[in-house]
């Protein structure tokens, strides 16, 4: 289940992700959504 929100509702950044970790997250999302 994916929920989206408007960027205006975000208050502040709480952290960042490096490129390697973001690539792993993107891959997991693709697998979850079966869009590979």
PDB file of N, CA and C in Angstrom:
ATOM      1  N   UNK A   1       0.849  -1.169   0.000  1.00  0.00           N
ATOM      2  CA  UNK A   1       0.000   0.000   0.000  1.00  0.00           C
ATOM      3  C   UNK A   1       0.897   1.235   0.000  1.00  0.00           C
ATOM      4  N   UNK A   2       0.630   2.158  -0.919  1.00  0.00           N
ATOM      5  CA  UNK A   2       1.421   3.384  -1.023  1.00  0.00           C
ATOM      6  C   UNK A   2       0.510   4.575  -0.800  1.00  0.00           C
ATOM      7  N   UNK A   3       0.971   5.475   0.037  1.00  0.00           N
ATOM      8  CA  UNK A   3       0.219   6.692   0.321  1.00  0.00           C
ATOM      9  C   UNK A   3       1.076   7.877  -0.107  1.00  0.00           C
ATOM     10  N   UNK A   4       0.487   8.846  -0.775  1.00  0.00           N
ATOM     11  CA  UNK A   4       1.215  10.055  -1.148  1.00  0.00           C
ATOM     12  C   UNK A   4       0.657  11.239  -0.376  1.00  0.00           C
ATOM     13  N   UNK A   5       1.523  12.209  -0.147  1.00  0.00           N
ATOM     14  CA  UNK A   5       1.086  13.440   0.512  1.00  0.00           C
ATOM     15  C   UNK A   5       1.646  14.637  -0.246  1.00  0.00           C
ATOM     16  N   UNK A   6       1.043  15.770  -0.075  1.00  0.00           N
ATOM     17  CA  UNK A   6       1.498  17.002  -0.697  1.00  0.00           C
ATOM     18  C   UNK A   6       2.792  17.455  -0.026  1.00  0.00           C
ATOM     19  N   UNK A   7       3.759  17.918  -0.806  1.00  0.00           N
ATOM     20  CA  UNK A   7       5.020  18.391  -0.240  1.00  0.00           C
ATOM     21  C   UNK A   7       4.818  19.533   0.753  1.00  0.00           C
ATOM     22  N   UNK A   8       3.763  20.302   0.587  1.00  0.00           N
ATOM     23  CA  UNK A   8       3.490  21.421   1.488  1.00  0.00           C
ATOM     24  C   UNK A   8       3.224  20.950   2.921  1.00  0.00           C
ATOM     25  N   UNK A   9       2.805  19.701   3.088  1.00  0.00           N
ATOM     26  CA  UNK A   9       2.516  19.173   4.428  1.00  0.00           C
ATOM     27  C   UNK A   9       3.780  18.744   5.170  1.00  0.00           C
ATOM     28  N   UNK A  10       4.892  18.631   4.454  1.00  0.00           N
ATOM     29  CA  UNK A  10       6.146  18.231   5.090  1.00  0.00           C
ATOM     30  C   UNK A  10       6.734  19.423   5.838  1.00  0.00           C
ATOM     31  N   UNK A  11       7.136  19.208   7.057  1.00  0.00           N
ATOM     32  CA  UNK A  11       7.648  20.299   7.892  1.00  0.00           C
ATOM     33  C   UNK A  11       9.144  20.534   7.673  1.00  0.00           C
ATOM     34  N   UNK A  12       9.945  19.482   7.866  1.00  0.00           N
ATOM     35  CA  UNK A  12      11.390  19.635   7.722  1.00  0.00           C
ATOM     36  C   UNK A  12      12.009  18.288   7.379  1.00  0.00           C
ATOM     37  N   UNK A  13      13.195  18.330   6.802  1.00  0.00           N
ATOM     38  CA  UNK A  13      13.921  17.097   6.518  1.00  0.00           C
ATOM     39  C   UNK A  13      14.414  16.498   7.826  1.00  0.00           C
ATOM     40  N   UNK A  14      14.382  15.187   7.903  1.00  0.00           N
ATOM     41  CA  UNK A  14      14.898  14.531   9.106  1.00  0.00           C
ATOM     42  C   UNK A  14      16.136  13.693   8.799  1.00  0.00           C
ATOM     43  N   UNK A  15      16.548  13.669   7.536  1.00  0.00           N
ATOM     44  CA  UNK A  15      17.739  12.913   7.183  1.00  0.00           C
ATOM     45  C   UNK A  15      17.902  12.820   5.680  1.00  0.00           C
ATOM     46  N   UNK A  16      18.957  12.162   5.260  1.00  0.00           N
ATOM     47  CA  UNK A  16      19.219  11.960   3.843  1.00  0.00           C
ATOM     48  C   UNK A  16      19.630  10.510   3.623  1.00  0.00           C
ATOM     49  N   UNK A  17      19.560  10.085   2.379  1.00  0.00           N
ATOM     50  CA  UNK A  17      19.987   8.739   2.006  1.00  0.00           C
ATOM     51  C   UNK A  17      21.081   8.853   0.960  1.00  0.00           C
ATOM     52  N   UNK A  18      22.094   7.995   1.067  1.00  0.00           N
ATOM     53  CA  UNK A  18      23.121   7.993   0.038  1.00  0.00           C
ATOM     54  C   UNK A  18      22.587   7.280  -1.202  1.00  0.00           C
ATOM     55  N   UNK A  19      23.304   7.437  -2.305  1.00  0.00           N
ATOM     56  CA  UNK A  19      22.844   6.882  -3.586  1.00  0.00           C
ATOM     57  C   UNK A  19      22.680   5.370  -3.545  1.00  0.00           C
ATOM     58  N   UNK A  20      23.576   4.678  -2.857  1.00  0.00           N
ATOM     59  CA  UNK A  20      23.498   3.214  -2.787  1.00  0.00           C
ATOM     60  C   UNK A  20      22.231   2.770  -2.060  1.00  0.00           C
ATOM     61  N   UNK A  21      21.943   3.408  -0.949  1.00  0.00           N
ATOM     62  CA  UNK A  21      20.742   3.032  -0.188  1.00  0.00           C
ATOM     63  C   UNK A  21      19.477   3.382  -0.973  1.00  0.00           C
ATOM     64  N   UNK A  22      19.474   4.541  -1.643  1.00  0.00           N
ATOM     65  CA  UNK A  22      18.308   4.944  -2.423  1.00  0.00           C
ATOM     66  C   UNK A  22      18.081   3.981  -3.585  1.00  0.00           C
ATOM     67  N   UNK A  23      19.147   3.497  -4.196  1.00  0.00           N
ATOM     68  CA  UNK A  23      19.026   2.522  -5.278  1.00  0.00           C
ATOM     69  C   UNK A  23      18.381   1.232  -4.769  1.00  0.00           C
ATOM     70  N   UNK A  24      18.748   0.796  -3.568  1.00  0.00           N
ATOM     71  CA  UNK A  24      18.145  -0.406  -2.982  1.00  0.00           C
ATOM     72  C   UNK A  24      16.659  -0.193  -2.707  1.00  0.00           C
ATOM     73  N   UNK A  25      16.312   0.985  -2.225  1.00  0.00           N
ATOM     74  CA  UNK A  25      14.901   1.296  -1.966  1.00  0.00           C
ATOM     75  C   UNK A  25      14.116   1.311  -3.266  1.00  0.00           C
ATOM     76  N   UNK A  26      14.664   1.954  -4.290  1.00  0.00           N
ATOM     77  CA  UNK A  26      13.986   1.992  -5.587  1.00  0.00           C
ATOM     78  C   UNK A  26      13.787   0.589  -6.148  1.00  0.00           C
ATOM     79  N   UNK A  27      14.785  -0.262  -6.001  1.00  0.00           N
ATOM     80  CA  UNK A  27      14.675  -1.641  -6.481  1.00  0.00           C
ATOM     81  C   UNK A  27      13.578  -2.389  -5.725  1.00  0.00           C
ATOM     82  N   UNK A  28      13.514  -2.204  -4.417  1.00  0.00           N
ATOM     83  CA  UNK A  28      12.481  -2.860  -3.611  1.00  0.00           C
ATOM     84  C   UNK A  28      11.083  -2.387  -4.010  1.00  0.00           C
ATOM     85  N   UNK A  29      10.948  -1.098  -4.309  1.00  0.00           N
ATOM     86  CA  UNK A  29       9.648  -0.571  -4.745  1.00  0.00           C
ATOM     87  C   UNK A  29       9.253  -1.186  -6.080  1.00  0.00           C
ATOM     88  N   UNK A  30      10.204  -1.285  -7.005  1.00  0.00           N
ATOM     89  CA  UNK A  30       9.915  -1.895  -8.309  1.00  0.00           C
ATOM     90  C   UNK A  30       9.451  -3.341  -8.147  1.00  0.00           C
ATOM     91  N   UNK A  31      10.129  -4.087  -7.284  1.00  0.00           N
ATOM     92  CA  UNK A  31       9.748  -5.481  -7.048  1.00  0.00           C
ATOM     93  C   UNK A  31       8.356  -5.540  -6.431  1.00  0.00           C
ATOM     94  N   UNK A  32       8.113  -4.688  -5.455  1.00  0.00           N
ATOM     95  CA  UNK A  32       6.820  -4.668  -4.772  1.00  0.00           C
ATOM     96  C   UNK A  32       5.677  -4.341  -5.728  1.00  0.00           C
ATOM     97  N   UNK A  33       5.927  -3.418  -6.659  1.00  0.00           N
ATOM     98  CA  UNK A  33       4.888  -3.003  -7.608  1.00  0.00           C
ATOM     99  C   UNK A  33       4.885  -3.838  -8.889  1.00  0.00           C
ATOM    100  N   UNK A  34       5.817  -4.802  -8.960  1.00  0.00           N
ATOM    101  CA  UNK A  34       5.940  -5.678 -10.133  1.00  0.00           C
ATOM    102  C   UNK A  34       6.102  -4.875 -11.415  1.00  0.00           C
ATOM    103  N   UNK A  35       7.032  -3.916 -11.414  1.00  0.00           N
ATOM    104  CA  UNK A  35       7.267  -3.096 -12.608  1.00  0.00           C
ATOM    105  C   UNK A  35       8.697  -3.226 -13.113  1.00  0.00           C
ATOM    106  N   UNK A  36       9.302  -4.380 -12.920  1.00  0.00           N
ATOM    107  CA  UNK A  36      10.672  -4.578 -13.398  1.00  0.00           C
ATOM    108  C   UNK A  36      10.700  -4.936 -14.844  1.00  0.00           C
TER     109      UNK A  36
END
